[in-house]
């Protein structure tokens, strides 16, 4: 199927606040408020860990979830090819800083798309964040070795990790998260094939796996599409 990328450049309402968790230009968080008192959604954007893809393409998602009643934090992080530890350090630092930046008493759901799904799965498995209610991984790069063998996005995995193998960053090789994990992946995804998430599910069968029929890669973060309802339904299930 042809992948619809229109959400990546669609105009959306900007965040209500911009929060900082460090001094670098990329150590910033977009924050959309919500009228309801609900658990936060902490979103980690994708883009195959490449510098040219930043958090701005997730603004339609942030706006939509905020309008539906969830406060949303969209994390930016440094993306330096060959230095994955810079990226994971930023994700760790941002999550640890949350209680100093916002009210987290209602807890939060960690959500990541594509490469952001890998980062979210890594964080939930290795950091055990305080007040994490659950994790939703959308079309995640959940098996780095398989994604590397597939040469996704023209060598994105090797560009991210440098060279060799980093099982310590690979969700399929990490322990299962203590918090509940939901996996949502489109059967028509040609950017990150669903077999990558199926590999993770084989290793961690306690996860909740939703196969979104006839859904591509970007529809899961596009509020104008039918598969986005799978995302909001899982958020509702995890946040009550």
Protein backbone atom coordinates (compact mmCIF):
# COMPACT_ATOMS: atom_id res chain seq x y z
CA UNK A 1 0.00 0.00 0.00
CA UNK A 2 1.06 3.62 -0.53
CA UNK A 3 2.07 5.36 2.68
CA UNK A 4 0.24 8.63 3.42
CA UNK A 5 2.79 11.02 4.97
CA UNK A 6 0.55 14.09 5.08
CA UNK A 7 0.46 14.19 8.88
CA UNK A 8 4.21 14.87 8.94
CA UNK A 9 3.76 18.35 7.49
CA UNK A 10 0.20 19.20 8.57
CA UNK A 11 -0.33 22.42 10.47
CA UNK A 12 -1.47 22.03 14.08
CA UNK A 13 -1.94 24.12 17.19
CA UNK A 14 1.35 24.58 18.97
CA UNK A 15 1.91 23.52 22.57
CA UNK A 16 0.62 25.59 25.48
CA UNK A 17 4.06 25.54 27.07
CA UNK A 18 7.61 24.62 26.20
CA UNK A 19 9.47 22.97 29.06
CA UNK A 20 13.21 22.41 29.36
CA UNK A 21 15.04 19.49 30.96
CA UNK A 22 18.56 20.56 29.94
CA UNK A 23 20.59 23.29 28.29
CA UNK A 24 20.88 21.80 24.80
CA UNK A 25 18.49 23.12 22.15
CA UNK A 26 16.98 19.63 21.78
CA UNK A 27 16.42 19.09 25.50
CA UNK A 28 12.91 20.47 25.34
CA UNK A 29 9.34 19.22 25.76
CA UNK A 30 6.15 20.42 24.06
CA UNK A 31 3.33 20.52 26.63
CA UNK A 32 -0.37 20.65 25.76
CA UNK A 33 -2.69 21.21 28.69
CA UNK A 34 -6.11 19.57 29.06
CA UNK A 35 -9.28 20.65 30.82
CA UNK A 36 -9.72 17.25 32.45
CA UNK A 37 -7.57 15.85 35.25
CA UNK A 38 -6.25 12.72 33.59
CA UNK A 39 -2.97 10.83 33.47
CA UNK A 40 -0.41 12.43 31.20
CA UNK A 41 0.55 11.11 27.80
CA UNK A 42 4.33 11.28 27.37
CA UNK A 43 5.07 10.91 23.66
CA UNK A 44 8.41 9.99 22.06
CA UNK A 45 8.49 10.80 18.36
CA UNK A 46 10.00 8.68 15.61
CA UNK A 47 12.09 9.39 12.55
CA UNK A 48 14.64 6.56 12.64
CA UNK A 49 16.72 8.51 15.18
CA UNK A 50 17.84 10.86 12.39
CA UNK A 51 18.55 14.58 13.08
CA UNK A 52 16.22 15.81 10.33
CA UNK A 53 13.10 14.44 12.06
CA UNK A 54 12.06 16.36 15.17
CA UNK A 55 9.02 16.58 17.42
CA UNK A 56 7.13 19.08 15.25
CA UNK A 57 5.59 16.32 13.12
CA UNK A 58 3.85 15.02 16.28
CA UNK A 59 1.96 18.24 16.90
CA UNK A 60 -1.29 17.07 15.25
CA UNK A 61 -1.26 14.14 17.68
CA UNK A 62 -0.53 16.38 20.66
CA UNK A 63 -3.31 18.78 19.74
CA UNK A 64 -5.84 15.97 19.17
CA UNK A 65 -5.14 14.09 22.40
CA UNK A 66 -5.26 17.34 24.36
CA UNK A 67 -8.65 18.17 22.83
CA UNK A 68 -9.84 14.71 23.88
CA UNK A 69 -8.86 15.39 27.49
CA UNK A 70 -5.33 14.07 27.93
CA UNK A 71 -2.49 16.42 28.84
CA UNK A 72 0.38 15.66 26.46
CA UNK A 73 4.14 15.98 26.78
CA UNK A 74 6.06 15.47 23.53
CA UNK A 75 9.75 14.88 24.21
CA UNK A 76 12.53 16.17 22.03
CA UNK A 77 15.91 14.50 22.33
CA UNK A 78 19.34 14.72 20.75
CA UNK A 79 19.78 12.63 17.63
CA UNK A 80 23.47 12.21 16.87
CA UNK A 81 24.34 9.45 14.39
CA UNK A 82 26.61 6.83 15.87
CA UNK A 83 26.03 7.95 19.47
CA UNK A 84 22.86 6.27 20.72
CA UNK A 85 23.78 6.86 24.34
CA UNK A 86 23.25 10.59 23.86
CA UNK A 87 19.68 9.83 22.80
CA UNK A 88 18.92 7.38 25.60
CA UNK A 89 20.49 9.71 28.16
CA UNK A 90 18.10 12.44 27.07
CA UNK A 91 15.06 10.15 27.32
CA UNK A 92 16.19 9.05 30.79
CA UNK A 93 16.83 12.63 31.92
CA UNK A 94 13.50 13.89 30.59
CA UNK A 95 11.52 11.14 32.34
CA UNK A 96 13.40 11.68 35.60
CA UNK A 97 12.72 15.42 35.38
CA UNK A 98 8.95 15.07 34.92
CA UNK A 99 7.98 15.41 38.61
CA UNK A 100 9.85 18.72 38.76
CA UNK A 101 8.17 20.02 35.61
CA UNK A 102 4.52 18.93 35.78
CA UNK A 103 1.96 17.34 38.06
CA UNK A 104 2.45 13.57 37.70
CA UNK A 105 0.29 12.46 40.64
CA UNK A 106 -2.23 10.87 38.26
CA UNK A 107 0.60 8.98 36.57
CA UNK A 108 1.35 8.82 32.87
CA UNK A 109 1.29 6.59 29.83
CA UNK A 110 4.47 6.45 27.78
CA UNK A 111 3.79 6.35 24.05
CA UNK A 112 6.31 6.07 21.24
CA UNK A 113 6.05 5.79 17.48
CA UNK A 114 8.51 3.95 15.21
CA UNK A 115 12.02 4.70 16.52
CA UNK A 116 10.30 6.45 19.41
CA UNK A 117 8.59 3.13 20.11
CA UNK A 118 12.02 1.53 20.48
CA UNK A 119 13.06 4.28 22.89
CA UNK A 120 9.84 3.96 24.89
CA UNK A 121 10.18 0.16 25.15
CA UNK A 122 13.81 0.57 26.19
CA UNK A 123 12.88 3.12 28.87
CA UNK A 124 10.05 1.02 30.31
CA UNK A 125 12.25 -2.10 30.45
CA UNK A 126 15.37 -0.51 31.92
CA UNK A 127 14.35 2.54 33.95
CA UNK A 128 11.11 1.42 35.65
CA UNK A 129 9.89 5.04 35.70
CA UNK A 130 7.95 6.20 38.74
CA UNK A 131 4.19 6.57 38.15
CA UNK A 132 4.29 4.83 34.77
CA UNK A 133 0.82 3.36 34.23
CA UNK A 134 1.52 1.70 30.91
CA UNK A 135 3.22 1.89 27.55
CA UNK A 136 1.81 2.09 24.04
CA UNK A 137 4.29 1.31 21.27
CA UNK A 138 3.04 2.36 17.83
CA UNK A 139 4.70 0.55 14.91
CA UNK A 140 7.87 0.29 17.01
CA UNK A 141 11.33 -0.67 15.81
CA UNK A 142 11.13 -3.32 18.51
CA UNK A 143 13.78 -5.70 17.16
CA UNK A 144 16.92 -3.79 16.18
CA UNK A 145 18.73 -6.80 14.77
CA UNK A 146 15.81 -7.71 12.50
CA UNK A 147 15.37 -4.08 11.46
CA UNK A 148 19.08 -3.94 10.63
CA UNK A 149 18.87 -7.10 8.52
CA UNK A 150 15.93 -5.53 6.68
CA UNK A 151 18.01 -2.39 6.08
CA UNK A 152 15.12 -0.20 7.19
CA UNK A 153 15.35 3.38 5.97
CA UNK A 154 18.65 2.68 4.28
CA UNK A 155 20.77 1.53 7.18
CA UNK A 156 19.03 3.47 9.94
CA UNK A 157 19.94 1.03 12.72
CA UNK A 158 23.67 1.11 12.01
CA UNK A 159 23.53 4.89 11.59
CA UNK A 160 21.92 5.04 15.05
CA UNK A 161 24.16 2.66 16.99
CA UNK A 162 27.41 3.24 15.08
CA UNK A 163 28.61 -0.26 14.33
CA UNK A 164 28.00 -3.77 15.58
CA UNK A 165 25.20 -4.87 17.89
CA UNK A 166 23.66 -3.15 20.92
CA UNK A 167 21.47 -5.72 22.64
CA UNK A 168 21.29 -3.40 25.66
CA UNK A 169 19.18 -1.05 23.51
CA UNK A 170 17.18 -3.74 21.70
CA UNK A 171 13.68 -4.22 23.16
CA UNK A 172 13.43 -7.82 21.97
CA UNK A 173 16.50 -8.68 24.09
CA UNK A 174 15.50 -6.66 27.17
CA UNK A 175 13.30 -7.87 30.04
CA UNK A 176 9.59 -7.28 29.82
CA UNK A 177 8.39 -4.01 31.31
CA UNK A 178 6.81 -4.17 34.75
CA UNK A 179 4.15 -1.80 33.46
CA UNK A 180 1.57 -3.07 30.95
CA UNK A 181 2.69 -2.90 27.32
CA UNK A 182 0.37 -2.40 24.35
CA UNK A 183 1.63 -2.87 20.82
CA UNK A 184 -0.28 -1.39 17.87
CA UNK A 185 1.03 -2.04 14.37
CA UNK A 186 -0.57 -1.73 10.96
CA UNK A 187 -0.75 -4.79 8.75
CA UNK A 188 -0.02 -2.59 5.73
CA UNK A 189 3.03 -0.86 7.19
CA UNK A 190 5.79 -0.69 4.57
CA UNK A 191 8.15 1.51 6.61
CA UNK A 192 8.48 -0.79 9.64
CA UNK A 193 6.92 -4.15 8.70
CA UNK A 194 4.65 -5.69 11.31
CA UNK A 195 6.99 -8.71 11.52
CA UNK A 196 9.33 -6.53 13.62
CA UNK A 197 6.68 -6.14 16.31
CA UNK A 198 5.67 -9.79 15.96
CA UNK A 199 9.26 -10.70 16.86
CA UNK A 200 9.00 -8.61 20.04
CA UNK A 201 5.63 -10.19 20.89
CA UNK A 202 7.13 -13.67 20.51
CA UNK A 203 9.78 -12.73 23.06
CA UNK A 204 7.31 -10.93 25.36
CA UNK A 205 3.89 -12.59 24.92
CA UNK A 206 2.39 -10.81 27.94
CA UNK A 207 2.11 -7.65 25.83
CA UNK A 208 -1.27 -6.67 24.40
CA UNK A 209 -0.90 -6.78 20.61
CA UNK A 210 -3.34 -5.02 18.27
CA UNK A 211 -2.93 -5.64 14.55
CA UNK A 212 -4.53 -2.66 12.82
CA UNK A 213 -5.93 -3.97 9.55
CA UNK A 214 -5.04 -2.16 6.31
CA UNK A 215 -3.14 0.45 8.29
CA UNK A 216 0.13 2.01 7.23
CA UNK A 217 2.97 3.47 9.26
CA UNK A 218 1.79 7.03 9.82
CA UNK A 219 -1.93 6.50 10.30
CA UNK A 220 -1.36 5.56 13.93
CA UNK A 221 -0.22 9.14 14.68
CA UNK A 222 -2.73 10.79 12.33
CA UNK A 223 -5.88 11.93 14.19
CA UNK A 224 -7.79 12.14 10.88
CA UNK A 225 -7.62 8.40 10.26
CA UNK A 226 -9.67 5.44 11.49
CA UNK A 227 -6.69 3.57 13.04
CA UNK A 228 -6.13 6.50 15.41
CA UNK A 229 -9.21 5.26 17.27
CA UNK A 230 -7.22 2.15 18.23
CA UNK A 231 -4.72 4.47 19.90
CA UNK A 232 -7.30 6.45 21.86
CA UNK A 233 -9.09 3.23 22.85
CA UNK A 234 -5.87 1.87 24.35
CA UNK A 235 -5.24 5.14 26.14
CA UNK A 236 -8.71 4.95 27.62
CA UNK A 237 -8.15 1.36 28.72
CA UNK A 238 -4.84 2.18 30.40
CA UNK A 239 -5.96 5.40 32.05
CA UNK A 240 -9.49 4.43 33.04
